[in-house]
Amino acid sequence: MVAPEREIPSGEGEESQRTLL
């Protein structure tokens, strides 16, 4: 399950930012 950037935990937040970038 992929949550929005703002609701993503710090742990998955870092990986999500790298994916978006």
Protein backbone atom coordinates (compact mmCIF):
# COMPACT_ATOMS: atom_id res chain seq x y z
CA MET A 1 0.00 0.00 0.00
CA VAL A 2 1.49 3.34 -1.07
CA ALA A 3 0.42 6.35 0.97
CA PRO A 4 0.69 10.00 -0.12
CA GLU A 5 4.03 11.76 0.47
CA ARG A 6 2.67 13.77 3.40
CA GLU A 7 1.21 10.69 5.13
CA ILE A 8 4.22 8.44 4.52
CA PRO A 9 6.30 7.52 7.61
CA SER A 10 9.84 8.94 7.82
CA GLY A 11 11.28 5.50 7.00
CA GLU A 12 9.34 5.13 3.75
CA GLY A 13 9.45 8.89 3.17
CA GLU A 14 13.12 8.79 2.27
CA GLU A 15 12.60 5.98 -0.24
CA SER A 16 9.52 7.68 -1.67
CA GLN A 17 11.39 10.95 -2.21
CA ARG A 18 14.15 9.09 -4.05
CA THR A 19 11.52 7.38 -6.22
CA LEU A 20 9.83 10.70 -7.03
CA LEU A 21 13.19 12.26 -7.80
